[in-house]
């Protein structure tokens, strides 16, 4: 297996070593993550059957878009899990969480979904849809995560999402928390690692977060396209089986 050119062969060797350790120590968890990623690929096919309804329900369009983004981002998260690139994993994870929050908001509010689209994208909707959802004349709107949480979530769930989001922000912003994974401590001396280092305990938490984010993405997709999922009973069975397997992984890693 070759990841980079010869100039980075030393880094490549370490990453491959981390992949071997990750897949050996967390073999069951890796299987669940990869099955979840494949399930996301299959679920995307369902939204293709909803294309004709995009014209009257803007949230179908936006959530199809956001789910596809998360599918790609989670694949990169998985690579970071395997290679022990913990800080980078959490930077990507924050974007996934933001996308999930938007999916929930747009599912509840087609007006917000329409305002999020560009002028060009809005113009592709029928005139009746544009008149209904475009009364504000707003387009390409950005929605701050704190505002989305306030509108889309209630009580305890909002607090939990806020706490997780703030933890992930430490890796996105130049805070110490996002830097300490690059440090190897011997006695009272700190050494900056040249390559990622596999740490069993940190991998455990990163895997837990990855599975959780896959579950969130799939949950919002199912809530958005539930009526279309009924037309795919075999896929619904796969989904139910994966949910049980992923719940077992989350229970194992939080107890």
Protein backbone atom coordinates (compact mmCIF):
# COMPACT_ATOMS: atom_id res chain seq x y z
CA UNK A 1 0.00 0.00 0.00
CA UNK A 2 1.34 3.43 -0.99
CA UNK A 3 -0.18 6.64 0.36
CA UNK A 4 2.38 9.27 -0.61
CA UNK A 5 5.47 9.74 -2.74
CA UNK A 6 8.91 8.60 -1.59
CA UNK A 7 9.65 11.95 0.07
CA UNK A 8 7.05 11.17 2.73
CA UNK A 9 7.83 7.48 3.10
CA UNK A 10 8.75 7.88 6.78
CA UNK A 11 5.42 9.49 7.61
CA UNK A 12 3.64 6.87 5.53
CA UNK A 13 5.28 4.06 7.48
CA UNK A 14 4.05 5.49 10.77
CA UNK A 15 0.51 5.99 9.45
CA UNK A 16 0.40 2.42 8.16
CA UNK A 17 1.65 1.21 11.53
CA UNK A 18 -1.14 3.16 13.25
CA UNK A 19 -3.71 1.67 10.87
CA UNK A 20 -2.57 -1.85 11.77
CA UNK A 21 -2.80 -1.11 15.49
CA UNK A 22 -6.21 0.55 15.19
CA UNK A 23 -7.74 -2.27 13.16
CA UNK A 24 -6.27 -4.91 15.48
CA UNK A 25 -7.30 -3.35 18.80
CA UNK A 26 -10.67 -2.04 17.60
CA UNK A 27 -11.62 -4.60 14.95
CA UNK A 28 -15.34 -4.80 15.88
CA UNK A 29 -15.68 -1.03 16.04
CA UNK A 30 -14.00 -0.53 12.66
CA UNK A 31 -16.44 -3.00 11.08
CA UNK A 32 -19.43 -1.06 12.47
CA UNK A 33 -18.04 2.27 11.24
CA UNK A 34 -17.41 0.93 7.74
CA UNK A 35 -20.83 -0.69 7.54
CA UNK A 36 -22.32 2.64 8.58
CA UNK A 37 -20.43 4.46 5.83
CA UNK A 38 -21.63 1.93 3.24
CA UNK A 39 -25.16 2.33 4.56
CA UNK A 40 -24.90 6.09 4.01
CA UNK A 41 -23.95 5.44 0.38
CA UNK A 42 -27.00 3.25 -0.06
CA UNK A 43 -29.30 5.71 1.70
CA UNK A 44 -28.29 8.43 -0.73
CA UNK A 45 -29.93 6.39 -3.49
CA UNK A 46 -33.28 6.83 -1.73
CA UNK A 47 -33.18 10.60 -2.04
CA UNK A 48 -32.84 10.16 -5.79
CA UNK A 49 -36.45 9.00 -5.82
CA UNK A 50 -37.45 12.25 -4.11
CA UNK A 51 -36.01 14.49 -6.82
CA UNK A 52 -39.39 15.32 -8.27
CA UNK A 53 -40.54 16.54 -4.86
CA UNK A 54 -37.52 18.79 -4.35
CA UNK A 55 -39.40 21.42 -6.37
CA UNK A 56 -42.08 21.80 -3.72
CA UNK A 57 -40.12 20.99 -0.54
CA UNK A 58 -36.82 22.88 -0.25
CA UNK A 59 -35.66 20.88 2.79
CA UNK A 60 -35.49 17.72 0.67
CA UNK A 61 -32.94 19.46 -1.54
CA UNK A 62 -30.89 20.95 1.28
CA UNK A 63 -30.82 17.81 3.42
CA UNK A 64 -29.84 15.63 0.49
CA UNK A 65 -26.95 18.05 -0.03
CA UNK A 66 -25.90 18.13 3.64
CA UNK A 67 -26.15 14.35 4.05
CA UNK A 68 -23.90 13.83 1.03
CA UNK A 69 -21.39 16.25 2.59
CA UNK A 70 -21.43 14.33 5.85
CA UNK A 71 -20.95 11.05 4.05
CA UNK A 72 -17.71 12.36 2.57
CA UNK A 73 -16.57 14.07 5.78
CA UNK A 74 -17.19 10.92 7.83
CA UNK A 75 -15.07 8.91 5.41
CA UNK A 76 -12.24 11.34 6.15
CA UNK A 77 -12.98 11.05 9.87
CA UNK A 78 -12.61 7.30 9.56
CA UNK A 79 -9.22 7.72 7.90
CA UNK A 80 -8.19 9.95 10.80
CA UNK A 81 -9.34 7.31 13.29
CA UNK A 82 -7.25 4.65 11.55
CA UNK A 83 -4.13 6.81 11.32
CA UNK A 84 -4.47 8.24 14.87
CA UNK A 85 -4.87 11.80 13.53
CA UNK A 86 -7.03 12.78 16.49
CA UNK A 87 -6.92 16.56 16.27
CA UNK A 88 -7.75 16.57 12.55
CA UNK A 89 -10.60 14.14 13.21
CA UNK A 90 -12.19 16.57 15.66
CA UNK A 91 -11.83 19.53 13.29
CA UNK A 92 -13.82 17.58 10.68
CA UNK A 93 -16.26 16.33 13.34
CA UNK A 94 -17.30 19.90 14.19
CA UNK A 95 -18.37 20.51 10.58
CA UNK A 96 -20.37 17.28 10.58
CA UNK A 97 -22.15 18.34 13.74
CA UNK A 98 -22.96 21.74 12.22
CA UNK A 99 -24.38 20.03 9.13
CA UNK A 100 -26.54 17.78 11.32
CA UNK A 101 -27.92 20.78 13.17
CA UNK A 102 -28.82 22.44 9.87
CA UNK A 103 -30.54 19.28 8.63
CA UNK A 104 -32.75 19.31 11.71
CA UNK A 105 -33.52 23.02 11.34
CA UNK A 106 -34.36 22.73 7.64
CA UNK A 107 -36.53 19.66 8.21
CA UNK A 108 -38.58 21.74 10.62
CA UNK A 109 -38.56 24.95 8.57
CA UNK A 110 -38.72 24.98 4.76
CA UNK A 111 -38.46 28.79 4.78
CA UNK A 112 -35.00 28.62 6.38
CA UNK A 113 -34.01 25.88 3.95
CA UNK A 114 -34.97 28.07 0.98
CA UNK A 115 -33.11 31.10 2.37
CA UNK A 116 -29.94 29.00 2.74
CA UNK A 117 -29.87 28.37 -1.03
CA UNK A 118 -28.13 30.68 -3.48
CA UNK A 119 -30.16 32.94 -5.78
CA UNK A 120 -29.29 30.65 -8.68
CA UNK A 121 -30.49 27.54 -6.81
CA UNK A 122 -33.69 29.30 -5.71
CA UNK A 123 -34.36 30.24 -9.32
CA UNK A 124 -34.54 26.56 -10.28
CA UNK A 125 -37.66 26.08 -8.17
CA UNK A 126 -41.15 26.62 -9.68
CA UNK A 127 -42.58 30.12 -9.36
CA UNK A 128 -45.20 28.92 -6.89
CA UNK A 129 -42.48 27.56 -4.58
CA UNK A 130 -40.42 30.73 -4.92
CA UNK A 131 -43.43 32.87 -4.01
CA UNK A 132 -44.27 30.66 -1.02
CA UNK A 133 -40.81 30.35 0.55
CA UNK A 134 -39.01 33.38 -0.89
CA UNK A 135 -41.04 36.15 0.69
CA UNK A 136 -38.06 37.41 2.67
CA UNK A 137 -36.00 37.80 -0.54
CA UNK A 138 -33.03 36.32 1.36
CA UNK A 139 -30.52 33.90 -0.18
CA UNK A 140 -27.14 32.32 0.66
CA UNK A 141 -27.89 32.78 4.34
CA UNK A 142 -25.47 31.59 7.02
CA UNK A 143 -26.95 30.21 10.23
CA UNK A 144 -24.82 30.46 13.36
CA UNK A 145 -24.65 27.14 15.26
CA UNK A 146 -25.87 28.77 18.49
CA UNK A 147 -28.97 30.14 16.71
CA UNK A 148 -29.65 26.79 15.06
CA UNK A 149 -29.45 24.98 18.41
CA UNK A 150 -31.80 27.49 20.00
CA UNK A 151 -34.41 27.03 17.26
CA UNK A 152 -34.06 23.34 16.46
CA UNK A 153 -33.41 21.71 19.85
CA UNK A 154 -35.05 21.74 23.25
CA UNK A 155 -33.79 21.51 26.83
CA UNK A 156 -31.31 18.75 27.68
CA UNK A 157 -30.58 17.82 24.06
CA UNK A 158 -29.66 21.42 23.28
CA UNK A 159 -27.29 21.49 26.26
CA UNK A 160 -25.61 18.23 25.24
CA UNK A 161 -25.12 19.38 21.65
CA UNK A 162 -23.75 22.70 22.88
CA UNK A 163 -21.26 20.97 25.18
CA UNK A 164 -20.00 18.67 22.42
CA UNK A 165 -19.77 21.53 19.95
CA UNK A 166 -17.71 23.63 22.35
CA UNK A 167 -15.33 20.71 22.94
CA UNK A 168 -14.81 20.35 19.20
CA UNK A 169 -14.22 24.09 18.85
CA UNK A 170 -11.06 23.66 20.93
CA UNK A 171 -9.58 21.73 18.01
CA UNK A 172 -10.78 24.14 15.35
CA UNK A 173 -9.49 27.25 17.11
CA UNK A 174 -5.84 27.67 18.16
CA UNK A 175 -6.48 26.51 21.73
CA UNK A 176 -4.16 24.36 23.83
CA UNK A 177 -6.64 21.45 23.89
CA UNK A 178 -6.26 21.06 20.14
CA UNK A 179 -2.47 21.02 20.41
CA UNK A 180 -1.86 18.60 23.26
CA UNK A 181 -2.40 15.47 21.13
CA UNK A 182 0.80 16.41 19.30
CA UNK A 183 2.76 16.34 22.55
CA UNK A 184 4.63 13.38 23.99
CA UNK A 185 5.63 13.82 27.60
CA UNK A 186 8.67 12.23 29.23
CA UNK A 187 9.07 13.29 32.82
CA UNK A 188 8.67 17.05 32.95
CA UNK A 189 9.68 17.53 29.31
CA UNK A 190 7.33 17.94 26.34
CA UNK A 191 8.23 16.78 22.84
CA UNK A 192 6.30 17.70 19.70
CA UNK A 193 5.56 14.56 17.69
CA UNK A 194 6.64 14.51 14.06
CA UNK A 195 3.95 11.95 13.15
CA UNK A 196 0.66 10.85 14.77
CA UNK A 197 1.01 8.35 17.61
CA UNK A 198 -1.51 5.59 18.35
CA UNK A 199 -2.98 5.96 21.84
CA UNK A 200 -5.50 3.30 22.83
CA UNK A 201 -7.60 5.53 25.11
CA UNK A 202 -7.81 8.44 22.66
CA UNK A 203 -8.69 6.12 19.77
CA UNK A 204 -11.49 4.74 21.92
CA UNK A 205 -13.06 8.18 22.33
CA UNK A 206 -12.54 9.10 18.68
CA UNK A 207 -14.27 5.93 17.53
CA UNK A 208 -17.16 6.62 19.88
CA UNK A 209 -17.59 10.11 18.41
CA UNK A 210 -17.41 8.80 14.83
CA UNK A 211 -20.15 6.22 15.43
CA UNK A 212 -22.27 8.85 17.17
CA UNK A 213 -21.96 11.27 14.24
CA UNK A 214 -22.85 8.56 11.73
CA UNK A 215 -25.95 7.83 13.82
CA UNK A 216 -26.91 11.51 13.92
CA UNK A 217 -26.49 11.88 10.16
CA UNK A 218 -28.53 8.77 9.44
CA UNK A 219 -31.21 9.83 11.94
CA UNK A 220 -31.74 13.18 10.24
CA UNK A 221 -31.74 11.52 6.82
CA UNK A 222 -34.39 9.01 7.92
CA UNK A 223 -36.52 11.75 9.48
CA UNK A 224 -36.30 13.73 6.23
CA UNK A 225 -36.92 10.85 3.82
CA UNK A 226 -38.97 8.48 5.99
CA UNK A 227 -41.83 8.15 3.51
CA UNK A 228 -39.40 7.22 0.72
CA UNK A 229 -37.61 4.68 2.93
CA UNK A 230 -40.81 2.64 3.05
CA UNK A 231 -40.26 1.80 -0.61
CA UNK A 232 -36.95 0.06 0.29
CA UNK A 233 -37.77 -2.63 2.89
CA UNK A 234 -34.45 -4.47 2.52
CA UNK A 235 -32.54 -1.27 3.19
CA UNK A 236 -34.76 -0.55 6.19
CA UNK A 237 -33.78 -3.96 7.59
CA UNK A 238 -30.07 -3.17 7.11
CA UNK A 239 -30.63 0.13 8.85
CA UNK A 240 -32.29 -1.52 11.84
CA UNK A 241 -29.47 -4.08 12.13
CA UNK A 242 -26.79 -1.36 12.00
CA UNK A 243 -28.59 0.69 14.63
CA UNK A 244 -28.47 -2.25 17.04
CA UNK A 245 -24.78 -2.92 16.33
CA UNK A 246 -23.85 0.75 16.71
CA UNK A 247 -25.80 1.02 20.00
CA UNK A 248 -23.74 -1.88 21.35
CA UNK A 249 -20.51 -0.10 20.38
CA UNK A 250 -21.62 3.15 22.00
CA UNK A 251 -22.69 1.31 25.15
CA UNK A 252 -19.35 -0.50 25.29
CA UNK A 253 -17.38 2.73 24.96
CA UNK A 254 -19.35 4.74 27.50
CA UNK A 255 -19.44 2.16 30.29
